[in-house]
Amino acid sequence: PGTTVEILIPDFGGSTEAVQTVVESKPDVFNYNLETVPRLYQQVRPHARYGRSLGVLRSAKDQDGGLLTKSGLMVGLGEDESEVLQVMSDLRAAGCDMLTIGQYLRPSREHLPVVEYIHPDRFERYGKLGEEMGFIHVASAPLARSSFNAEEALEKKPG
């Protein structure tokens, strides 16, 4: 009792049936991370497609308008601020409720290098702009990750 469940899913190849199965399981939070901006998708997520990724979140919200949806971005891969703001806008248009934005950190030499270490002031700006856009919770900090402050985010749940 009192346990909450946040599900972090893959894009299921765009399968709305798979998304529906997850939605029907009634998680407290439905999470699918976009990870990066459209211009870098091919390089960062070669098997994913930006439109399909947004469609996963849109499909979940369409199936259950009360479901809390969440996504996350990594910054420092070469994107510019206008691209990040466009992704944030796209997420809101898809009905996304919560957002995490964190610094990309290269996990190994086989992964993409860090292009830029983002100043904490920019993370703070992203957080403020996200709240102005209507996200109910934005965790935007260098070490923010997908489940960063998840309990705090649920406390902001409307209703």
N, C-alpha and C. Protein backbone atom coordinates (compact mmCIF):
# COMPACT_ATOMS: atom_id res chain seq x y z
N PRO A 1 0.83 -1.21 0.00
CA PRO A 1 0.00 0.00 0.00
C PRO A 1 0.87 1.26 0.00
N GLY A 2 0.46 2.20 -0.79
CA GLY A 2 1.19 3.46 -0.85
C GLY A 2 2.37 3.45 -1.79
N THR A 3 2.66 2.32 -2.39
CA THR A 3 3.77 2.23 -3.34
C THR A 3 3.34 2.83 -4.67
N THR A 4 4.23 3.60 -5.26
CA THR A 4 3.94 4.15 -6.58
C THR A 4 4.83 3.48 -7.61
N VAL A 5 4.33 3.44 -8.83
CA VAL A 5 5.05 2.77 -9.91
C VAL A 5 5.25 3.74 -11.07
N GLU A 6 6.51 3.92 -11.44
CA GLU A 6 6.85 4.67 -12.64
C GLU A 6 7.45 3.69 -13.63
N ILE A 7 6.88 3.63 -14.81
CA ILE A 7 7.35 2.71 -15.83
C ILE A 7 8.13 3.48 -16.88
N LEU A 8 9.37 3.06 -17.12
CA LEU A 8 10.21 3.63 -18.17
C LEU A 8 10.26 2.62 -19.30
N ILE A 9 9.73 3.02 -20.44
CA ILE A 9 9.55 2.08 -21.54
C ILE A 9 10.44 2.41 -22.75
N PRO A 10 10.62 1.40 -23.64
CA PRO A 10 11.22 1.68 -24.96
C PRO A 10 10.12 2.20 -25.87
N ASP A 11 10.44 2.47 -27.12
CA ASP A 11 9.40 2.98 -28.02
C ASP A 11 8.56 1.88 -28.64
N PHE A 12 8.88 0.62 -28.37
CA PHE A 12 8.11 -0.52 -28.87
C PHE A 12 7.96 -0.50 -30.39
N GLY A 13 8.91 0.13 -31.08
CA GLY A 13 8.83 0.21 -32.53
C GLY A 13 7.61 0.96 -33.01
N GLY A 14 7.04 1.79 -32.13
CA GLY A 14 5.85 2.56 -32.49
C GLY A 14 4.54 1.82 -32.30
N SER A 15 4.56 0.65 -31.69
CA SER A 15 3.35 -0.15 -31.52
C SER A 15 2.39 0.48 -30.52
N THR A 16 1.25 0.95 -31.00
CA THR A 16 0.25 1.53 -30.10
C THR A 16 -0.37 0.45 -29.21
N GLU A 17 -0.40 -0.79 -29.70
CA GLU A 17 -0.92 -1.88 -28.88
C GLU A 17 -0.04 -2.12 -27.66
N ALA A 18 1.28 -2.06 -27.85
CA ALA A 18 2.19 -2.24 -26.72
C ALA A 18 2.05 -1.09 -25.73
N VAL A 19 1.93 0.13 -26.25
CA VAL A 19 1.71 1.29 -25.38
C VAL A 19 0.41 1.10 -24.61
N GLN A 20 -0.64 0.63 -25.29
CA GLN A 20 -1.93 0.41 -24.64
C GLN A 20 -1.81 -0.60 -23.51
N THR A 21 -1.06 -1.65 -23.71
CA THR A 21 -0.86 -2.65 -22.66
C THR A 21 -0.25 -2.01 -21.41
N VAL A 22 0.74 -1.16 -21.61
CA VAL A 22 1.36 -0.47 -20.47
C VAL A 22 0.37 0.48 -19.82
N VAL A 23 -0.33 1.26 -20.61
CA VAL A 23 -1.31 2.22 -20.08
C VAL A 23 -2.37 1.49 -19.25
N GLU A 24 -2.84 0.35 -19.77
CA GLU A 24 -3.88 -0.42 -19.06
C GLU A 24 -3.39 -0.99 -17.74
N SER A 25 -2.07 -1.08 -17.55
CA SER A 25 -1.54 -1.56 -16.27
C SER A 25 -1.63 -0.50 -15.18
N LYS A 26 -2.04 0.72 -15.57
CA LYS A 26 -2.28 1.83 -14.65
C LYS A 26 -1.06 2.22 -13.81
N PRO A 27 0.08 2.50 -14.47
CA PRO A 27 1.22 2.99 -13.69
C PRO A 27 0.91 4.39 -13.16
N ASP A 28 1.60 4.78 -12.11
CA ASP A 28 1.43 6.15 -11.60
C ASP A 28 2.07 7.15 -12.56
N VAL A 29 3.19 6.74 -13.19
CA VAL A 29 3.87 7.61 -14.15
C VAL A 29 4.30 6.75 -15.34
N PHE A 30 3.99 7.23 -16.53
CA PHE A 30 4.37 6.60 -17.78
C PHE A 30 5.53 7.41 -18.33
N ASN A 31 6.72 6.82 -18.38
CA ASN A 31 7.93 7.55 -18.76
C ASN A 31 8.53 6.97 -20.03
N TYR A 32 8.77 7.86 -20.97
CA TYR A 32 9.52 7.52 -22.18
C TYR A 32 10.44 8.69 -22.48
N ASN A 33 11.72 8.46 -22.51
CA ASN A 33 12.70 9.52 -22.70
C ASN A 33 13.01 9.78 -24.16
N LEU A 34 12.84 11.05 -24.58
CA LEU A 34 13.23 11.43 -25.93
C LEU A 34 14.75 11.47 -26.08
N GLU A 35 15.45 11.79 -25.02
CA GLU A 35 16.91 11.81 -24.92
C GLU A 35 17.60 13.01 -25.57
N THR A 36 17.20 13.40 -26.79
CA THR A 36 17.94 14.46 -27.49
C THR A 36 17.04 15.20 -28.47
N VAL A 37 17.62 16.13 -29.17
CA VAL A 37 16.89 16.97 -30.13
C VAL A 37 16.81 16.26 -31.48
N PRO A 38 15.83 16.62 -32.32
CA PRO A 38 15.67 15.93 -33.61
C PRO A 38 16.93 15.89 -34.48
N ARG A 39 17.66 16.98 -34.54
CA ARG A 39 18.86 17.04 -35.40
C ARG A 39 19.90 15.98 -35.00
N LEU A 40 19.93 15.58 -33.75
CA LEU A 40 20.93 14.62 -33.29
C LEU A 40 20.40 13.19 -33.15
N TYR A 41 19.13 13.00 -33.48
CA TYR A 41 18.53 11.67 -33.28
C TYR A 41 19.28 10.57 -34.01
N GLN A 42 19.61 10.77 -35.25
CA GLN A 42 20.28 9.72 -36.03
C GLN A 42 21.61 9.33 -35.40
N GLN A 43 22.32 10.30 -34.88
CA GLN A 43 23.62 10.05 -34.27
C GLN A 43 23.49 9.44 -32.87
N VAL A 44 22.57 9.97 -32.07
CA VAL A 44 22.45 9.57 -30.67
C VAL A 44 21.56 8.34 -30.51
N ARG A 45 20.49 8.28 -31.30
CA ARG A 45 19.51 7.18 -31.19
C ARG A 45 19.24 6.62 -32.58
N PRO A 46 20.19 5.94 -33.18
CA PRO A 46 20.05 5.53 -34.58
C PRO A 46 18.86 4.62 -34.89
N HIS A 47 18.32 3.94 -33.90
CA HIS A 47 17.19 3.03 -34.15
C HIS A 47 15.85 3.68 -33.83
N ALA A 48 15.88 4.89 -33.33
CA ALA A 48 14.64 5.59 -32.97
C ALA A 48 14.36 6.70 -33.98
N ARG A 49 13.15 7.17 -33.98
CA ARG A 49 12.73 8.27 -34.83
C ARG A 49 12.01 9.29 -33.95
N TYR A 50 12.35 10.55 -34.11
CA TYR A 50 11.81 11.58 -33.23
C TYR A 50 10.28 11.61 -33.24
N GLY A 51 9.69 11.60 -34.41
CA GLY A 51 8.23 11.64 -34.50
C GLY A 51 7.58 10.43 -33.85
N ARG A 52 8.17 9.27 -34.05
CA ARG A 52 7.65 8.05 -33.43
C ARG A 52 7.77 8.14 -31.92
N SER A 53 8.90 8.70 -31.45
CA SER A 53 9.11 8.84 -30.02
C SER A 53 8.06 9.76 -29.40
N LEU A 54 7.80 10.90 -30.03
CA LEU A 54 6.74 11.78 -29.54
C LEU A 54 5.40 11.08 -29.58
N GLY A 55 5.20 10.26 -30.60
CA GLY A 55 3.94 9.52 -30.74
C GLY A 55 3.68 8.56 -29.60
N VAL A 56 4.73 8.00 -29.00
CA VAL A 56 4.57 7.10 -27.86
C VAL A 56 3.91 7.86 -26.71
N LEU A 57 4.43 9.04 -26.42
CA LEU A 57 3.87 9.85 -25.33
C LEU A 57 2.46 10.33 -25.65
N ARG A 58 2.26 10.76 -26.88
CA ARG A 58 0.94 11.24 -27.31
C ARG A 58 -0.09 10.10 -27.22
N SER A 59 0.30 8.91 -27.66
CA SER A 59 -0.59 7.76 -27.63
C SER A 59 -0.99 7.41 -26.20
N ALA A 60 -0.04 7.44 -25.29
CA ALA A 60 -0.34 7.12 -23.89
C ALA A 60 -1.35 8.13 -23.33
N LYS A 61 -1.13 9.41 -23.60
CA LYS A 61 -2.02 10.46 -23.09
C LYS A 61 -3.39 10.37 -23.76
N ASP A 62 -3.43 10.05 -25.05
CA ASP A 62 -4.71 9.90 -25.75
C ASP A 62 -5.52 8.76 -25.17
N GLN A 63 -4.85 7.69 -24.76
CA GLN A 63 -5.54 6.52 -24.22
C GLN A 63 -6.05 6.75 -22.80
N ASP A 64 -5.33 7.58 -22.04
CA ASP A 64 -5.75 7.87 -20.67
C ASP A 64 -5.31 9.29 -20.34
N GLY A 65 -6.23 10.23 -20.52
CA GLY A 65 -5.91 11.64 -20.32
C GLY A 65 -5.45 11.99 -18.92
N GLY A 66 -5.78 11.16 -17.94
CA GLY A 66 -5.36 11.41 -16.56
C GLY A 66 -4.02 10.80 -16.20
N LEU A 67 -3.46 10.03 -17.12
CA LEU A 67 -2.16 9.39 -16.86
C LEU A 67 -1.06 10.45 -16.84
N LEU A 68 -0.20 10.39 -15.84
CA LEU A 68 0.95 11.28 -15.81
C LEU A 68 2.01 10.76 -16.76
N THR A 69 2.44 11.60 -17.67
CA THR A 69 3.49 11.21 -18.61
C THR A 69 4.74 12.04 -18.36
N LYS A 70 5.86 11.42 -18.66
CA LYS A 70 7.15 12.03 -18.33
C LYS A 70 8.16 11.68 -19.41
N SER A 71 9.10 12.60 -19.62
CA SER A 71 10.17 12.34 -20.57
C SER A 71 11.45 12.98 -20.04
N GLY A 72 12.56 12.61 -20.66
CA GLY A 72 13.84 13.15 -20.24
C GLY A 72 14.74 13.48 -21.42
N LEU A 73 15.58 14.47 -21.20
CA LEU A 73 16.56 14.90 -22.20
C LEU A 73 17.95 14.91 -21.60
N MET A 74 18.93 14.60 -22.44
CA MET A 74 20.33 14.78 -22.09
C MET A 74 20.81 15.98 -22.89
N VAL A 75 21.57 16.84 -22.25
CA VAL A 75 22.15 17.97 -22.96
C VAL A 75 23.66 17.90 -22.88
N GLY A 76 24.31 18.56 -23.82
CA GLY A 76 25.77 18.52 -23.89
C GLY A 76 26.27 17.68 -25.05
N LEU A 77 25.34 17.31 -25.94
CA LEU A 77 25.68 16.49 -27.11
C LEU A 77 25.86 17.32 -28.38
N GLY A 78 25.77 18.66 -28.24
CA GLY A 78 25.94 19.53 -29.40
C GLY A 78 24.68 20.28 -29.80
N GLU A 79 23.61 20.11 -29.03
CA GLU A 79 22.37 20.82 -29.31
C GLU A 79 22.52 22.29 -28.90
N ASP A 80 21.66 23.15 -29.43
CA ASP A 80 21.66 24.53 -28.94
C ASP A 80 20.38 24.76 -28.15
N GLU A 81 20.35 25.88 -27.46
CA GLU A 81 19.23 26.15 -26.55
C GLU A 81 17.90 26.20 -27.28
N SER A 82 17.86 26.77 -28.48
CA SER A 82 16.60 26.85 -29.21
C SER A 82 16.07 25.45 -29.54
N GLU A 83 16.96 24.51 -29.81
CA GLU A 83 16.54 23.13 -30.09
C GLU A 83 15.94 22.48 -28.85
N VAL A 84 16.55 22.71 -27.69
CA VAL A 84 16.03 22.16 -26.44
C VAL A 84 14.65 22.74 -26.17
N LEU A 85 14.49 24.03 -26.35
CA LEU A 85 13.19 24.67 -26.12
C LEU A 85 12.13 24.14 -27.09
N GLN A 86 12.53 23.85 -28.32
CA GLN A 86 11.57 23.28 -29.27
C GLN A 86 11.13 21.88 -28.84
N VAL A 87 12.07 21.08 -28.35
CA VAL A 87 11.71 19.74 -27.87
C VAL A 87 10.75 19.87 -26.68
N MET A 88 11.05 20.80 -25.78
CA MET A 88 10.16 21.02 -24.64
C MET A 88 8.75 21.39 -25.12
N SER A 89 8.67 22.25 -26.10
CA SER A 89 7.38 22.64 -26.67
C SER A 89 6.68 21.45 -27.32
N ASP A 90 7.44 20.65 -28.06
CA ASP A 90 6.88 19.45 -28.69
C ASP A 90 6.33 18.48 -27.64
N LEU A 91 7.07 18.33 -26.53
CA LEU A 91 6.62 17.45 -25.46
C LEU A 91 5.31 17.94 -24.85
N ARG A 92 5.21 19.23 -24.62
CA ARG A 92 3.96 19.77 -24.06
C ARG A 92 2.81 19.55 -25.05
N ALA A 93 3.08 19.76 -26.34
CA ALA A 93 2.04 19.55 -27.35
C ALA A 93 1.58 18.10 -27.39
N ALA A 94 2.46 17.18 -27.00
CA ALA A 94 2.13 15.76 -26.95
C ALA A 94 1.47 15.38 -25.62
N GLY A 95 1.30 16.36 -24.74
CA GLY A 95 0.63 16.11 -23.46
C GLY A 95 1.56 15.68 -22.34
N CYS A 96 2.85 15.79 -22.55
CA CYS A 96 3.81 15.38 -21.52
C CYS A 96 3.69 16.30 -20.31
N ASP A 97 3.62 15.69 -19.12
CA ASP A 97 3.41 16.42 -17.88
C ASP A 97 4.69 16.78 -17.12
N MET A 98 5.68 15.90 -17.18
CA MET A 98 6.89 16.07 -16.38
C MET A 98 8.12 15.88 -17.26
N LEU A 99 9.21 16.53 -16.83
CA LEU A 99 10.42 16.51 -17.65
C LEU A 99 11.66 16.49 -16.77
N THR A 100 12.65 15.71 -17.19
CA THR A 100 13.97 15.77 -16.58
C THR A 100 14.96 16.19 -17.66
N ILE A 101 15.90 17.05 -17.27
CA ILE A 101 16.96 17.49 -18.18
C ILE A 101 18.27 17.37 -17.41
N GLY A 102 19.18 16.57 -17.95
CA GLY A 102 20.46 16.36 -17.28
C GLY A 102 21.63 16.41 -18.25
N GLN A 103 22.80 16.59 -17.70
CA GLN A 103 24.03 16.61 -18.48
C GLN A 103 24.35 15.22 -19.01
N TYR A 104 24.63 15.12 -20.30
CA TYR A 104 25.12 13.87 -20.86
C TYR A 104 26.52 13.63 -20.33
N LEU A 105 26.75 12.42 -19.85
CA LEU A 105 28.07 12.00 -19.39
C LEU A 105 28.43 10.72 -20.14
N ARG A 106 29.54 10.72 -20.79
CA ARG A 106 29.97 9.60 -21.61
C ARG A 106 30.23 8.37 -20.74
N PRO A 107 29.45 7.30 -20.94
CA PRO A 107 29.62 6.12 -20.09
C PRO A 107 30.86 5.29 -20.39
N SER A 108 31.36 5.37 -21.63
CA SER A 108 32.56 4.61 -21.99
C SER A 108 33.17 5.23 -23.24
N ARG A 109 34.34 4.80 -23.59
CA ARG A 109 35.00 5.31 -24.81
C ARG A 109 34.26 4.91 -26.08
N GLU A 110 33.41 3.90 -25.99
CA GLU A 110 32.64 3.47 -27.16
C GLU A 110 31.43 4.36 -27.41
N HIS A 111 31.09 5.22 -26.45
CA HIS A 111 29.94 6.10 -26.58
C HIS A 111 30.36 7.47 -27.12
N LEU A 112 29.38 8.24 -27.52
CA LEU A 112 29.64 9.58 -28.05
C LEU A 112 30.35 10.44 -27.00
N PRO A 113 31.26 11.28 -27.43
CA PRO A 113 31.93 12.18 -26.48
C PRO A 113 31.00 13.32 -26.05
N VAL A 114 31.29 13.88 -24.89
CA VAL A 114 30.59 15.09 -24.44
C VAL A 114 31.06 16.23 -25.33
N VAL A 115 30.16 16.98 -25.89
CA VAL A 115 30.50 18.14 -26.72
C VAL A 115 30.64 19.38 -25.84
N GLU A 116 29.79 19.48 -24.82
CA GLU A 116 29.80 20.67 -23.97
C GLU A 116 29.28 20.32 -22.58
N TYR A 117 29.91 20.88 -21.57
CA TYR A 117 29.38 20.79 -20.21
C TYR A 117 28.52 22.05 -20.00
N ILE A 118 27.26 21.83 -19.72
CA ILE A 118 26.29 22.91 -19.63
C ILE A 118 26.39 23.58 -18.25
N HIS A 119 26.39 24.90 -18.26
CA HIS A 119 26.49 25.66 -17.01
C HIS A 119 25.19 25.49 -16.21
N PRO A 120 25.29 25.37 -14.89
CA PRO A 120 24.08 25.23 -14.05
C PRO A 120 23.04 26.33 -14.26
N ASP A 121 23.46 27.53 -14.62
CA ASP A 121 22.49 28.60 -14.89
C ASP A 121 21.56 28.25 -16.04
N ARG A 122 22.09 27.55 -17.04
CA ARG A 122 21.23 27.17 -18.18
C ARG A 122 20.23 26.10 -17.74
N PHE A 123 20.67 25.17 -16.89
CA PHE A 123 19.73 24.18 -16.36
C PHE A 123 18.60 24.87 -15.60
N GLU A 124 18.97 25.86 -14.81
CA GLU A 124 17.97 26.60 -14.04
C GLU A 124 16.99 27.30 -14.99
N ARG A 125 17.51 27.89 -16.06
CA ARG A 125 16.66 28.56 -17.05
C ARG A 125 15.71 27.55 -17.70
N TYR A 126 16.23 26.38 -18.08
CA TYR A 126 15.37 25.36 -18.67
C TYR A 126 14.24 24.99 -17.70
N GLY A 127 14.57 24.84 -16.44
CA GLY A 127 13.56 24.49 -15.45
C GLY A 127 12.46 25.54 -15.36
N LYS A 128 12.85 26.79 -15.29
CA LYS A 128 11.87 27.89 -15.20
C LYS A 128 11.02 27.96 -16.46
N LEU A 129 11.66 27.86 -17.62
CA LEU A 129 10.92 27.91 -18.88
C LEU A 129 9.96 26.72 -19.00
N GLY A 130 10.40 25.56 -18.54
CA GLY A 130 9.53 24.38 -18.58
C GLY A 130 8.28 24.56 -17.73
N GLU A 131 8.45 25.12 -16.56
CA GLU A 131 7.29 25.38 -15.72
C GLU A 131 6.37 26.42 -16.35
N GLU A 132 6.96 27.43 -16.99
CA GLU A 132 6.14 28.42 -17.70
C GLU A 132 5.38 27.78 -18.86
N MET A 133 5.95 26.76 -19.48
CA MET A 133 5.29 26.06 -20.59
C MET A 133 4.14 25.18 -20.10
N GLY A 134 4.11 24.89 -18.81
CA GLY A 134 3.02 24.09 -18.27
C GLY A 134 3.39 22.72 -17.74
N PHE A 135 4.67 22.36 -17.75
CA PHE A 135 5.05 21.09 -17.12
C PHE A 135 4.73 21.21 -15.63
N ILE A 136 4.17 20.16 -15.04
CA ILE A 136 3.86 20.23 -13.61
C ILE A 136 5.11 20.03 -12.76
N HIS A 137 6.14 19.45 -13.36
CA HIS A 137 7.41 19.29 -12.65
C HIS A 137 8.53 19.22 -13.67
N VAL A 138 9.60 19.96 -13.41
CA VAL A 138 10.81 19.90 -14.24
C VAL A 138 12.00 19.73 -13.31
N ALA A 139 12.73 18.65 -13.49
CA ALA A 139 14.00 18.45 -12.78
C ALA A 139 15.09 18.74 -13.79
N SER A 140 15.73 19.88 -13.66
CA SER A 140 16.74 20.31 -14.61
C SER A 140 17.99 20.68 -13.85
N ALA A 141 18.99 19.81 -13.92
CA ALA A 141 20.25 19.99 -13.19
C ALA A 141 21.30 19.09 -13.83
N PRO A 142 22.56 19.42 -13.64
CA PRO A 142 23.61 18.60 -14.27
C PRO A 142 23.47 17.09 -14.00
N LEU A 143 23.13 16.71 -12.79
CA LEU A 143 23.05 15.28 -12.47
C LEU A 143 21.63 14.75 -12.45
N ALA A 144 20.66 15.50 -12.97
CA ALA A 144 19.28 15.01 -13.06
C ALA A 144 19.24 13.83 -14.01
N ARG A 145 18.51 12.82 -13.61
CA ARG A 145 18.32 11.63 -14.43
C ARG A 145 16.83 11.30 -14.46
N SER A 146 16.47 10.28 -15.19
CA SER A 146 15.08 9.96 -15.46
C SER A 146 14.20 9.89 -14.21
N SER A 147 14.68 9.29 -13.15
CA SER A 147 13.85 9.16 -11.94
C SER A 147 14.21 10.18 -10.88
N PHE A 148 14.96 11.21 -11.24
CA PHE A 148 15.42 12.23 -10.32
C PHE A 148 14.25 12.89 -9.58
N ASN A 149 14.26 12.84 -8.26
CA ASN A 149 13.22 13.44 -7.43
C ASN A 149 11.82 13.00 -7.83
N ALA A 150 11.67 11.72 -8.15
CA ALA A 150 10.37 11.21 -8.61
C ALA A 150 9.27 11.42 -7.58
N GLU A 151 9.57 11.23 -6.31
CA GLU A 151 8.55 11.40 -5.27
C GLU A 151 8.07 12.85 -5.21
N GLU A 152 9.01 13.78 -5.31
CA GLU A 152 8.67 15.21 -5.32
C GLU A 152 7.76 15.54 -6.51
N ALA A 153 8.05 14.95 -7.64
CA ALA A 153 7.24 15.20 -8.84
C ALA A 153 5.81 14.71 -8.63
N LEU A 154 5.64 13.56 -8.01
CA LEU A 154 4.29 13.03 -7.79
C LEU A 154 3.50 13.89 -6.83
N GLU A 155 4.16 14.56 -5.91
CA GLU A 155 3.47 15.45 -4.97
C GLU A 155 2.83 16.62 -5.69
N LYS A 156 3.32 16.94 -6.89
CA LYS A 156 2.77 18.06 -7.67
C LYS A 156 1.63 17.62 -8.60
N LYS A 157 1.29 16.36 -8.53
CA LYS A 157 0.23 15.82 -9.41
C LYS A 157 -1.07 16.61 -9.21
N PRO A 158 -1.66 17.05 -10.31
CA PRO A 158 -2.92 17.80 -10.19
C PRO A 158 -4.04 16.94 -9.64
N GLY A 159 -4.98 17.58 -8.96
CA GLY A 159 -6.17 16.87 -8.47
C GLY A 159 -5.86 16.26 -7.18
